[in-house]
């Protein structure tokens, strides 16, 4: 009796188990900056009966996901602007450490002469 692929799906408990970790080399030949993985099948996976086609398809899918994640579009630009404004708006209400020390340095000689 053959088990169909639908019954082989992982349960959440299976996903929480510690997986076997196999390092896949990064591919810097594309442009050097984007996140891409090399599609050379590691020896550890050959021993686990994973075909080169399965591995190439998986790496291609992961590389496409990273490429999509790293694209600059209107949405990511807006997210970045809001993040920038959110973080730096704090300094409208709160002096940073450098500014507080700068004030202490200016005030300190005046206090000592009094």
PDB file of N, CA and C in Angstrom:
ATOM      1  N   UNK A   1       0.842  -1.181   0.000  1.00  0.00           N
ATOM      2  CA  UNK A   1       0.000   0.000   0.000  1.00  0.00           C
ATOM      3  C   UNK A   1       0.882   1.238   0.000  1.00  0.00           C
ATOM      4  N   UNK A   2       0.638   2.139  -0.922  1.00  0.00           N
ATOM      5  CA  UNK A   2       1.449   3.349  -1.067  1.00  0.00           C
ATOM      6  C   UNK A   2       0.778   4.516  -0.354  1.00  0.00           C
ATOM      7  N   UNK A   3       1.582   5.298   0.375  1.00  0.00           N
ATOM      8  CA  UNK A   3       1.062   6.455   1.093  1.00  0.00           C
ATOM      9  C   UNK A   3       1.089   7.653   0.164  1.00  0.00           C
ATOM     10  N   UNK A   4      -0.031   8.351   0.075  1.00  0.00           N
ATOM     11  CA  UNK A   4      -0.085   9.514  -0.807  1.00  0.00           C
ATOM     12  C   UNK A   4       0.659  10.679  -0.177  1.00  0.00           C
ATOM     13  N   UNK A   5       1.014  11.671  -0.996  1.00  0.00           N
ATOM     14  CA  UNK A   5       1.735  12.845  -0.501  1.00  0.00           C
ATOM     15  C   UNK A   5       0.896  13.651   0.476  1.00  0.00           C
ATOM     16  N   UNK A   6      -0.410  13.622   0.333  1.00  0.00           N
ATOM     17  CA  UNK A   6      -1.283  14.396   1.219  1.00  0.00           C
ATOM     18  C   UNK A   6      -1.197  13.883   2.655  1.00  0.00           C
ATOM     19  N   UNK A   7      -1.004  12.566   2.828  1.00  0.00           N
ATOM     20  CA  UNK A   7      -0.918  12.023   4.181  1.00  0.00           C
ATOM     21  C   UNK A   7       0.475  12.162   4.771  1.00  0.00           C
ATOM     22  N   UNK A   8       1.455  12.548   3.978  1.00  0.00           N
ATOM     23  CA  UNK A   8       2.825  12.741   4.462  1.00  0.00           C
ATOM     24  C   UNK A   8       3.052  14.136   5.031  1.00  0.00           C
ATOM     25  N   UNK A   9       2.040  14.984   5.021  1.00  0.00           N
ATOM     26  CA  UNK A   9       2.211  16.361   5.505  1.00  0.00           C
ATOM     27  C   UNK A   9       2.652  16.348   6.965  1.00  0.00           C
ATOM     28  N   UNK A  10       3.458  17.325   7.290  1.00  0.00           N
ATOM     29  CA  UNK A  10       3.974  17.421   8.653  1.00  0.00           C
ATOM     30  C   UNK A  10       2.967  18.090   9.572  1.00  0.00           C
ATOM     31  N   UNK A  11       2.936  17.617  10.777  1.00  0.00           N
ATOM     32  CA  UNK A  11       2.097  18.230  11.797  1.00  0.00           C
ATOM     33  C   UNK A  11       2.900  19.330  12.485  1.00  0.00           C
ATOM     34  N   UNK A  12       2.256  20.233  13.224  1.00  0.00           N
ATOM     35  CA  UNK A  12       3.013  21.259  13.949  1.00  0.00           C
ATOM     36  C   UNK A  12       4.032  20.675  14.921  1.00  0.00           C
ATOM     37  N   UNK A  13       3.726  19.523  15.492  1.00  0.00           N
ATOM     38  CA  UNK A  13       4.683  18.879  16.401  1.00  0.00           C
ATOM     39  C   UNK A  13       5.934  18.437  15.650  1.00  0.00           C
ATOM     40  N   UNK A  14       5.744  17.963  14.411  1.00  0.00           N
ATOM     41  CA  UNK A  14       6.896  17.565  13.600  1.00  0.00           C
ATOM     42  C   UNK A  14       7.782  18.757  13.282  1.00  0.00           C
ATOM     43  N   UNK A  15       7.167  19.916  13.058  1.00  0.00           N
ATOM     44  CA  UNK A  15       7.937  21.110  12.711  1.00  0.00           C
ATOM     45  C   UNK A  15       8.742  21.629  13.893  1.00  0.00           C
ATOM     46  N   UNK A  16       8.297  21.337  15.117  1.00  0.00           N
ATOM     47  CA  UNK A  16       9.016  21.794  16.305  1.00  0.00           C
ATOM     48  C   UNK A  16      10.202  20.902  16.657  1.00  0.00           C
ATOM     49  N   UNK A  17      10.248  19.709  16.106  1.00  0.00           N
ATOM     50  CA  UNK A  17      11.380  18.826  16.368  1.00  0.00           C
ATOM     51  C   UNK A  17      12.639  19.403  15.733  1.00  0.00           C
ATOM     52  N   UNK A  18      13.755  19.142  16.358  1.00  0.00           N
ATOM     53  CA  UNK A  18      15.027  19.673  15.848  1.00  0.00           C
ATOM     54  C   UNK A  18      15.368  19.005  14.514  1.00  0.00           C
ATOM     55  N   UNK A  19      15.505  19.813  13.475  1.00  0.00           N
ATOM     56  CA  UNK A  19      15.801  19.236  12.156  1.00  0.00           C
ATOM     57  C   UNK A  19      17.291  18.922  12.013  1.00  0.00           C
ATOM     58  N   UNK A  20      17.591  18.076  11.052  1.00  0.00           N
ATOM     59  CA  UNK A  20      18.986  17.866  10.688  1.00  0.00           C
ATOM     60  C   UNK A  20      19.426  19.083   9.889  1.00  0.00           C
ATOM     61  N   UNK A  21      20.538  19.676  10.274  1.00  0.00           N
ATOM     62  CA  UNK A  21      20.999  20.893   9.619  1.00  0.00           C
ATOM     63  C   UNK A  21      22.099  20.537   8.626  1.00  0.00           C
ATOM     64  N   UNK A  22      21.894  20.966   7.393  1.00  0.00           N
ATOM     65  CA  UNK A  22      22.874  20.746   6.338  1.00  0.00           C
ATOM     66  C   UNK A  22      23.172  22.109   5.720  1.00  0.00           C
ATOM     67  N   UNK A  23      24.432  22.470   5.684  1.00  0.00           N
ATOM     68  CA  UNK A  23      24.835  23.776   5.157  1.00  0.00           C
ATOM     69  C   UNK A  23      24.805  23.754   3.635  1.00  0.00           C
ATOM     70  N   UNK A  24      24.153  24.760   3.073  1.00  0.00           N
ATOM     71  CA  UNK A  24      24.140  24.953   1.627  1.00  0.00           C
ATOM     72  C   UNK A  24      24.906  26.239   1.360  1.00  0.00           C
ATOM     73  N   UNK A  25      25.872  26.170   0.473  1.00  0.00           N
ATOM     74  CA  UNK A  25      26.758  27.310   0.219  1.00  0.00           C
ATOM     75  C   UNK A  25      26.007  28.464  -0.427  1.00  0.00           C
ATOM     76  N   UNK A  26      26.426  29.684  -0.064  1.00  0.00           N
ATOM     77  CA  UNK A  26      25.876  30.885  -0.691  1.00  0.00           C
ATOM     78  C   UNK A  26      26.463  31.035  -2.086  1.00  0.00           C
ATOM     79  N   UNK A  27      25.707  31.668  -2.963  1.00  0.00           N
ATOM     80  CA  UNK A  27      26.137  31.930  -4.327  1.00  0.00           C
ATOM     81  C   UNK A  27      26.362  33.426  -4.477  1.00  0.00           C
ATOM     82  N   UNK A  28      27.624  33.825  -4.579  1.00  0.00           N
ATOM     83  CA  UNK A  28      27.971  35.244  -4.694  1.00  0.00           C
ATOM     84  C   UNK A  28      28.203  35.662  -6.141  1.00  0.00           C
ATOM     85  N   UNK A  29      28.021  34.759  -7.099  1.00  0.00           N
ATOM     86  CA  UNK A  29      28.314  35.078  -8.493  1.00  0.00           C
ATOM     87  C   UNK A  29      27.212  35.903  -9.147  1.00  0.00           C
ATOM     88  N   UNK A  30      26.013  35.907  -8.577  1.00  0.00           N
ATOM     89  CA  UNK A  30      24.881  36.613  -9.204  1.00  0.00           C
ATOM     90  C   UNK A  30      25.143  38.111  -9.239  1.00  0.00           C
ATOM     91  N   UNK A  31      25.255  38.744  -8.078  1.00  0.00           N
ATOM     92  CA  UNK A  31      25.641  40.150  -8.018  1.00  0.00           C
ATOM     93  C   UNK A  31      26.435  40.460  -6.764  1.00  0.00           C
ATOM     94  N   UNK A  32      26.637  39.466  -5.918  1.00  0.00           N
ATOM     95  CA  UNK A  32      27.469  39.644  -4.737  1.00  0.00           C
ATOM     96  C   UNK A  32      26.755  40.153  -3.516  1.00  0.00           C
ATOM     97  N   UNK A  33      25.584  40.765  -3.679  1.00  0.00           N
ATOM     98  CA  UNK A  33      24.897  41.360  -2.541  1.00  0.00           C
ATOM     99  C   UNK A  33      23.588  40.660  -2.193  1.00  0.00           C
ATOM    100  N   UNK A  34      22.891  40.136  -3.177  1.00  0.00           N
ATOM    101  CA  UNK A  34      21.598  39.512  -2.902  1.00  0.00           C
ATOM    102  C   UNK A  34      21.805  38.136  -2.271  1.00  0.00           C
ATOM    103  N   UNK A  35      20.804  37.694  -1.532  1.00  0.00           N
ATOM    104  CA  UNK A  35      20.870  36.397  -0.873  1.00  0.00           C
ATOM    105  C   UNK A  35      20.453  35.333  -1.865  1.00  0.00           C
ATOM    106  N   UNK A  36      21.395  34.504  -2.242  1.00  0.00           N
ATOM    107  CA  UNK A  36      21.152  33.384  -3.152  1.00  0.00           C
ATOM    108  C   UNK A  36      21.958  32.200  -2.672  1.00  0.00           C
ATOM    109  N   UNK A  37      21.429  31.017  -2.953  1.00  0.00           N
ATOM    110  CA  UNK A  37      22.126  29.803  -2.564  1.00  0.00           C
ATOM    111  C   UNK A  37      22.570  29.036  -3.791  1.00  0.00           C
ATOM    112  N   UNK A  38      23.706  28.365  -3.659  1.00  0.00           N
ATOM    113  CA  UNK A  38      24.281  27.566  -4.716  1.00  0.00           C
ATOM    114  C   UNK A  38      23.432  26.316  -4.912  1.00  0.00           C
ATOM    115  N   UNK A  39      23.256  25.889  -6.152  1.00  0.00           N
ATOM    116  CA  UNK A  39      22.420  24.729  -6.399  1.00  0.00           C
ATOM    117  C   UNK A  39      23.218  23.441  -6.588  1.00  0.00           C
ATOM    118  N   UNK A  40      24.410  23.391  -6.024  1.00  0.00           N
ATOM    119  CA  UNK A  40      25.201  22.166  -6.043  1.00  0.00           C
ATOM    120  C   UNK A  40      24.736  21.281  -4.896  1.00  0.00           C
ATOM    121  N   UNK A  41      24.360  20.062  -5.206  1.00  0.00           N
ATOM    122  CA  UNK A  41      23.823  19.135  -4.215  1.00  0.00           C
ATOM    123  C   UNK A  41      24.907  18.709  -3.231  1.00  0.00           C
ATOM    124  N   UNK A  42      24.750  19.012  -1.923  1.00  0.00           N
ATOM    125  CA  UNK A  42      25.752  18.592  -0.929  1.00  0.00           C
ATOM    126  C   UNK A  42      25.798  17.075  -0.783  1.00  0.00           C
ATOM    127  N   UNK A  43      26.949  16.580  -0.416  1.00  0.00           N
ATOM    128  CA  UNK A  43      27.149  15.137  -0.262  1.00  0.00           C
ATOM    129  C   UNK A  43      26.194  14.547   0.780  1.00  0.00           C
ATOM    130  N   UNK A  44      25.916  15.307   1.850  1.00  0.00           N
ATOM    131  CA  UNK A  44      25.034  14.805   2.901  1.00  0.00           C
ATOM    132  C   UNK A  44      23.643  14.485   2.363  1.00  0.00           C
ATOM    133  N   UNK A  45      23.194  15.248   1.366  1.00  0.00           N
ATOM    134  CA  UNK A  45      21.869  15.007   0.800  1.00  0.00           C
ATOM    135  C   UNK A  45      21.876  13.869  -0.203  1.00  0.00           C
ATOM    136  N   UNK A  46      22.996  13.656  -0.851  1.00  0.00           N
ATOM    137  CA  UNK A  46      23.098  12.510  -1.761  1.00  0.00           C
ATOM    138  C   UNK A  46      22.945  11.207  -0.982  1.00  0.00           C
ATOM    139  N   UNK A  47      23.492  11.202   0.229  1.00  0.00           N
ATOM    140  CA  UNK A  47      23.394  10.006   1.067  1.00  0.00           C
ATOM    141  C   UNK A  47      21.971   9.784   1.559  1.00  0.00           C
ATOM    142  N   UNK A  48      21.112  10.813   1.538  1.00  0.00           N
ATOM    143  CA  UNK A  48      19.729  10.703   2.011  1.00  0.00           C
ATOM    144  C   UNK A  48      18.751  10.497   0.851  1.00  0.00           C
ATOM    145  N   UNK A  49      19.272  10.113  -0.299  1.00  0.00           N
ATOM    146  CA  UNK A  49      18.451   9.793  -1.474  1.00  0.00           C
ATOM    147  C   UNK A  49      17.579  10.955  -1.944  1.00  0.00           C
ATOM    148  N   UNK A  50      18.114  12.157  -1.908  1.00  0.00           N
ATOM    149  CA  UNK A  50      17.426  13.313  -2.475  1.00  0.00           C
ATOM    150  C   UNK A  50      17.996  13.530  -3.868  1.00  0.00           C
ATOM    151  N   UNK A  51      17.117  13.616  -4.841  1.00  0.00           N
ATOM    152  CA  UNK A  51      17.589  13.753  -6.215  1.00  0.00           C
ATOM    153  C   UNK A  51      18.048  15.178  -6.482  1.00  0.00           C
ATOM    154  N   UNK A  52      18.872  15.300  -7.494  1.00  0.00           N
ATOM    155  CA  UNK A  52      19.357  16.635  -7.857  1.00  0.00           C
ATOM    156  C   UNK A  52      18.219  17.524  -8.339  1.00  0.00           C
ATOM    157  N   UNK A  53      17.240  16.948  -8.995  1.00  0.00           N
ATOM    158  CA  UNK A  53      16.093  17.730  -9.465  1.00  0.00           C
ATOM    159  C   UNK A  53      15.304  18.304  -8.297  1.00  0.00           C
ATOM    160  N   UNK A  54      15.050  17.488  -7.285  1.00  0.00           N
ATOM    161  CA  UNK A  54      14.342  17.970  -6.097  1.00  0.00           C
ATOM    162  C   UNK A  54      15.119  19.104  -5.432  1.00  0.00           C
ATOM    163  N   UNK A  55      16.436  18.911  -5.307  1.00  0.00           N
ATOM    164  CA  UNK A  55      17.268  19.929  -4.660  1.00  0.00           C
ATOM    165  C   UNK A  55      17.295  21.211  -5.478  1.00  0.00           C
ATOM    166  N   UNK A  56      17.471  21.099  -6.804  1.00  0.00           N
ATOM    167  CA  UNK A  56      17.501  22.292  -7.665  1.00  0.00           C
ATOM    168  C   UNK A  56      16.177  23.045  -7.600  1.00  0.00           C
ATOM    169  N   UNK A  57      15.062  22.326  -7.605  1.00  0.00           N
ATOM    170  CA  UNK A  57      13.750  22.978  -7.518  1.00  0.00           C
ATOM    171  C   UNK A  57      13.581  23.689  -6.180  1.00  0.00           C
ATOM    172  N   UNK A  58      14.013  23.062  -5.100  1.00  0.00           N
ATOM    173  CA  UNK A  58      13.896  23.666  -3.768  1.00  0.00           C
ATOM    174  C   UNK A  58      14.751  24.924  -3.671  1.00  0.00           C
ATOM    175  N   UNK A  59      16.008  24.846  -4.120  1.00  0.00           N
ATOM    176  CA  UNK A  59      16.907  26.005  -4.066  1.00  0.00           C
ATOM    177  C   UNK A  59      16.387  27.121  -4.955  1.00  0.00           C
ATOM    178  N   UNK A  60      15.863  26.781  -6.128  1.00  0.00           N
ATOM    179  CA  UNK A  60      15.313  27.812  -7.019  1.00  0.00           C
ATOM    180  C   UNK A  60      14.124  28.511  -6.361  1.00  0.00           C
ATOM    181  N   UNK A  61      13.265  27.742  -5.694  1.00  0.00           N
ATOM    182  CA  UNK A  61      12.112  28.330  -5.019  1.00  0.00           C
ATOM    183  C   UNK A  61      12.549  29.240  -3.873  1.00  0.00           C
ATOM    184  N   UNK A  62      13.545  28.810  -3.091  1.00  0.00           N
ATOM    185  CA  UNK A  62      14.052  29.633  -1.986  1.00  0.00           C
ATOM    186  C   UNK A  62      14.715  30.895  -2.529  1.00  0.00           C
ATOM    187  N   UNK A  63      15.499  30.757  -3.588  1.00  0.00           N
ATOM    188  CA  UNK A  63      16.147  31.928  -4.194  1.00  0.00           C
ATOM    189  C   UNK A  63      15.110  32.924  -4.722  1.00  0.00           C
ATOM    190  N   UNK A  64      14.011  32.421  -5.294  1.00  0.00           N
ATOM    191  CA  UNK A  64      12.946  33.310  -5.762  1.00  0.00           C
ATOM    192  C   UNK A  64      12.293  34.048  -4.599  1.00  0.00           C
ATOM    193  N   UNK A  65      12.105  33.344  -3.465  1.00  0.00           N
ATOM    194  CA  UNK A  65      11.513  33.990  -2.291  1.00  0.00           C
ATOM    195  C   UNK A  65      12.411  35.105  -1.768  1.00  0.00           C
ATOM    196  N   UNK A  66      13.729  34.852  -1.704  1.00  0.00           N
ATOM    197  CA  UNK A  66      14.652  35.894  -1.258  1.00  0.00           C
ATOM    198  C   UNK A  66      14.681  37.055  -2.236  1.00  0.00           C
ATOM    199  N   UNK A  67      14.640  36.759  -3.527  1.00  0.00           N
ATOM    200  CA  UNK A  67      14.635  37.822  -4.535  1.00  0.00           C
ATOM    201  C   UNK A  67      13.388  38.690  -4.382  1.00  0.00           C
ATOM    202  N   UNK A  68      12.248  38.051  -4.150  1.00  0.00           N
ATOM    203  CA  UNK A  68      11.004  38.798  -3.941  1.00  0.00           C
ATOM    204  C   UNK A  68      11.082  39.635  -2.666  1.00  0.00           C
ATOM    205  N   UNK A  69      11.670  39.074  -1.609  1.00  0.00           N
ATOM    206  CA  UNK A  69      11.768  39.790  -0.331  1.00  0.00           C
ATOM    207  C   UNK A  69      12.688  40.999  -0.424  1.00  0.00           C
ATOM    208  N   UNK A  70      13.688  40.942  -1.299  1.00  0.00           N
ATOM    209  CA  UNK A  70      14.680  42.013  -1.382  1.00  0.00           C
ATOM    210  C   UNK A  70      14.336  43.071  -2.423  1.00  0.00           C
ATOM    211  N   UNK A  71      13.233  42.899  -3.141  1.00  0.00           N
ATOM    212  CA  UNK A  71      12.859  43.885  -4.148  1.00  0.00           C
ATOM    213  C   UNK A  71      12.385  45.176  -3.487  1.00  0.00           C
ATOM    214  N   UNK A  72      12.755  46.281  -4.101  1.00  0.00           N
ATOM    215  CA  UNK A  72      12.302  47.580  -3.622  1.00  0.00           C
ATOM    216  C   UNK A  72      11.063  47.965  -4.427  1.00  0.00           C
ATOM    217  N   UNK A  73       9.973  48.180  -3.702  1.00  0.00           N
ATOM    218  CA  UNK A  73       8.747  48.629  -4.350  1.00  0.00           C
ATOM    219  C   UNK A  73       8.098  49.679  -3.455  1.00  0.00           C
ATOM    220  N   UNK A  74       6.949  50.144  -3.829  1.00  0.00           N
ATOM    221  CA  UNK A  74       6.280  51.211  -3.089  1.00  0.00           C
ATOM    222  C   UNK A  74       5.998  50.786  -1.643  1.00  0.00           C
ATOM    223  N   UNK A  75       5.585  49.552  -1.461  1.00  0.00           N
ATOM    224  CA  UNK A  75       5.241  49.059  -0.118  1.00  0.00           C
ATOM    225  C   UNK A  75       6.475  49.009   0.789  1.00  0.00           C
ATOM    226  N   UNK A  76       7.571  48.450   0.294  1.00  0.00           N
ATOM    227  CA  UNK A  76       8.769  48.363   1.135  1.00  0.00           C
ATOM    228  C   UNK A  76       9.361  49.742   1.394  1.00  0.00           C
ATOM    229  N   UNK A  77       9.262  50.644   0.408  1.00  0.00           N
ATOM    230  CA  UNK A  77       9.744  52.008   0.610  1.00  0.00           C
ATOM    231  C   UNK A  77       8.935  52.700   1.704  1.00  0.00           C
ATOM    232  N   UNK A  78       7.613  52.537   1.667  1.00  0.00           N
ATOM    233  CA  UNK A  78       6.746  53.149   2.678  1.00  0.00           C
ATOM    234  C   UNK A  78       7.030  52.565   4.051  1.00  0.00           C
ATOM    235  N   UNK A  79       7.201  51.244   4.135  1.00  0.00           N
ATOM    236  CA  UNK A  79       7.533  50.610   5.418  1.00  0.00           C
ATOM    237  C   UNK A  79       8.831  51.177   5.977  1.00  0.00           C
ATOM    238  N   UNK A  80       9.827  51.337   5.124  1.00  0.00           N
ATOM    239  CA  UNK A  80      11.099  51.881   5.566  1.00  0.00           C
ATOM    240  C   UNK A  80      10.969  53.315   6.058  1.00  0.00           C
ATOM    241  N   UNK A  81      10.198  54.119   5.349  1.00  0.00           N
ATOM    242  CA  UNK A  81       9.991  55.510   5.778  1.00  0.00           C
ATOM    243  C   UNK A  81       9.281  55.578   7.120  1.00  0.00           C
ATOM    244  N   UNK A  82       8.224  54.776   7.293  1.00  0.00           N
ATOM    245  CA  UNK A  82       7.513  54.771   8.576  1.00  0.00           C
ATOM    246  C   UNK A  82       8.415  54.289   9.706  1.00  0.00           C
ATOM    247  N   UNK A  83       9.223  53.283   9.428  1.00  0.00           N
ATOM    248  CA  UNK A  83      10.160  52.798  10.446  1.00  0.00           C
ATOM    249  C   UNK A  83      11.157  53.874  10.836  1.00  0.00           C
ATOM    250  N   UNK A  84      11.695  54.563   9.848  1.00  0.00           N
ATOM    251  CA  UNK A  84      12.644  55.641  10.104  1.00  0.00           C
ATOM    252  C   UNK A  84      12.005  56.752  10.932  1.00  0.00           C
ATOM    253  N   UNK A  85      10.812  57.174  10.511  1.00  0.00           N
ATOM    254  CA  UNK A  85      10.127  58.255  11.220  1.00  0.00           C
ATOM    255  C   UNK A  85       9.731  57.842  12.636  1.00  0.00           C
ATOM    256  N   UNK A  86       9.334  56.603  12.806  1.00  0.00           N
ATOM    257  CA  UNK A  86       8.942  56.122  14.129  1.00  0.00           C
ATOM    258  C   UNK A  86      10.121  56.147  15.086  1.00  0.00           C
ATOM    259  N   UNK A  87      11.247  55.643  14.639  1.00  0.00           N
ATOM    260  CA  UNK A  87      12.421  55.581  15.511  1.00  0.00           C
ATOM    261  C   UNK A  87      12.949  56.974  15.813  1.00  0.00           C
ATOM    262  N   UNK A  88      13.097  57.805  14.803  1.00  0.00           N
ATOM    263  CA  UNK A  88      13.721  59.101  15.019  1.00  0.00           C
ATOM    264  C   UNK A  88      12.773  60.148  15.586  1.00  0.00           C
ATOM    265  N   UNK A  89      11.455  59.891  15.569  1.00  0.00           N
ATOM    266  CA  UNK A  89      10.540  60.832  16.209  1.00  0.00           C
ATOM    267  C   UNK A  89      10.709  60.815  17.725  1.00  0.00           C
ATOM    268  N   UNK A  90      11.290  59.753  18.259  1.00  0.00           N
ATOM    269  CA  UNK A  90      11.568  59.670  19.694  1.00  0.00           C
ATOM    270  C   UNK A  90      12.449  60.845  20.145  1.00  0.00           C
ATOM    271  N   UNK A  91      13.356  61.266  19.311  1.00  0.00           N
ATOM    272  CA  UNK A  91      14.292  62.321  19.694  1.00  0.00           C
ATOM    273  C   UNK A  91      13.649  63.710  19.694  1.00  0.00           C
ATOM    274  N   UNK A  92      12.414  63.817  19.246  1.00  0.00           N
ATOM    275  CA  UNK A  92      11.690  65.074  19.396  1.00  0.00           C
ATOM    276  C   UNK A  92      11.293  65.301  20.857  1.00  0.00           C
ATOM    277  N   UNK A  93      11.135  64.206  21.585  1.00  0.00           N
ATOM    278  CA  UNK A  93      10.679  64.273  22.970  1.00  0.00           C
ATOM    279  C   UNK A  93      11.742  63.885  23.982  1.00  0.00           C
ATOM    280  N   UNK A  94      12.855  63.360  23.514  1.00  0.00           N
ATOM    281  CA  UNK A  94      13.846  62.788  24.414  1.00  0.00           C
ATOM    282  C   UNK A  94      15.230  63.086  23.868  1.00  0.00           C
ATOM    283  N   UNK A  95      16.101  63.681  24.687  1.00  0.00           N
ATOM    284  CA  UNK A  95      17.483  63.936  24.248  1.00  0.00           C
ATOM    285  C   UNK A  95      18.286  62.646  24.311  1.00  0.00           C
ATOM    286  N   UNK A  96      19.097  62.447  23.299  1.00  0.00           N
ATOM    287  CA  UNK A  96      19.929  61.247  23.321  1.00  0.00           C
ATOM    288  C   UNK A  96      21.100  61.430  24.293  1.00  0.00           C
ATOM    289  N   UNK A  97      21.835  60.370  24.519  1.00  0.00           N
ATOM    290  CA  UNK A  97      22.918  60.375  25.505  1.00  0.00           C
ATOM    291  C   UNK A  97      23.976  61.430  25.165  1.00  0.00           C
ATOM    292  N   UNK A  98      24.339  61.539  23.907  1.00  0.00           N
ATOM    293  CA  UNK A  98      25.350  62.507  23.486  1.00  0.00           C
ATOM    294  C   UNK A  98      24.887  63.933  23.789  1.00  0.00           C
ATOM    295  N   UNK A  99      23.647  64.232  23.488  1.00  0.00           N
ATOM    296  CA  UNK A  99      23.126  65.581  23.724  1.00  0.00           C
ATOM    297  C   UNK A  99      23.108  65.907  25.220  1.00  0.00           C
ATOM    298  N   UNK A 100      22.717  64.942  26.068  1.00  0.00           N
ATOM    299  CA  UNK A 100      22.709  65.178  27.516  1.00  0.00           C
ATOM    300  C   UNK A 100      24.123  65.438  28.037  1.00  0.00           C
ATOM    301  N   UNK A 101      25.102  64.681  27.547  1.00  0.00           N
ATOM    302  CA  UNK A 101      26.489  64.914  27.979  1.00  0.00           C
ATOM    303  C   UNK A 101      27.014  66.243  27.458  1.00  0.00           C
ATOM    304  N   UNK A 102      26.620  66.606  26.268  1.00  0.00           N
ATOM    305  CA  UNK A 102      27.035  67.888  25.714  1.00  0.00           C
ATOM    306  C   UNK A 102      26.524  69.035  26.597  1.00  0.00           C
ATOM    307  N   UNK A 103      25.299  68.940  27.057  1.00  0.00           N
ATOM    308  CA  UNK A 103      24.733  69.970  27.944  1.00  0.00           C
ATOM    309  C   UNK A 103      25.487  69.988  29.273  1.00  0.00           C
ATOM    310  N   UNK A 104      25.802  68.797  29.806  1.00  0.00           N
ATOM    311  CA  UNK A 104      26.553  68.744  31.065  1.00  0.00           C
ATOM    312  C   UNK A 104      27.944  69.352  30.922  1.00  0.00           C
ATOM    313  N   UNK A 105      28.567  69.139  29.770  1.00  0.00           N
ATOM    314  CA  UNK A 105      29.900  69.694  29.540  1.00  0.00           C
ATOM    315  C   UNK A 105      29.836  71.219  29.471  1.00  0.00           C
ATOM    316  N   UNK A 106      28.802  71.752  28.864  1.00  0.00           N
ATOM    317  CA  UNK A 106      28.653  73.203  28.765  1.00  0.00           C
ATOM    318  C   UNK A 106      28.341  73.809  30.124  1.00  0.00           C
ATOM    319  N   UNK A 107      27.485  73.159  30.897  1.00  0.00           N
ATOM    320  CA  UNK A 107      27.032  73.695  32.183  1.00  0.00           C
ATOM    321  C   UNK A 107      28.076  73.495  33.282  1.00  0.00           C
ATOM    322  N   UNK A 108      28.843  72.451  33.231  1.00  0.00           N
ATOM    323  CA  UNK A 108      29.787  72.106  34.296  1.00  0.00           C
ATOM    324  C   UNK A 108      30.785  73.210  34.640  1.00  0.00           C
ATOM    325  N   UNK A 109      31.468  73.841  33.666  1.00  0.00           N
ATOM    326  CA  UNK A 109      32.397  74.910  34.052  1.00  0.00           C
ATOM    327  C   UNK A 109      31.718  76.098  34.734  1.00  0.00           C
ATOM    328  N   UNK A 110      30.489  76.411  34.344  1.00  0.00           N
ATOM    329  CA  UNK A 110      29.752  77.502  34.965  1.00  0.00           C
ATOM    330  C   UNK A 110      29.405  77.174  36.417  1.00  0.00           C
ATOM    331  N   UNK A 111      29.057  75.917  36.676  1.00  0.00           N
ATOM    332  CA  UNK A 111      28.711  75.518  38.039  1.00  0.00           C
ATOM    333  C   UNK A 111      29.945  75.540  38.952  1.00  0.00           C
ATOM    334  N   UNK A 112      31.104  75.198  38.406  1.00  0.00           N
ATOM    335  CA  UNK A 112      32.313  75.150  39.213  1.00  0.00           C
ATOM    336  C   UNK A 112      32.789  76.542  39.605  1.00  0.00           C
ATOM    337  N   UNK A 113      32.507  77.535  38.792  1.00  0.00           N
ATOM    338  CA  UNK A 113      32.947  78.906  39.101  1.00  0.00           C
ATOM    339  C   UNK A 113      32.024  79.591  40.089  1.00  0.00           C
ATOM    340  N   UNK A 114      30.874  79.027  40.340  1.00  0.00           N
ATOM    341  CA  UNK A 114      29.932  79.659  41.286  1.00  0.00           C
ATOM    342  C   UNK A 114      30.315  79.404  42.688  1.00  0.00           C
TER     343      UNK A 114
END
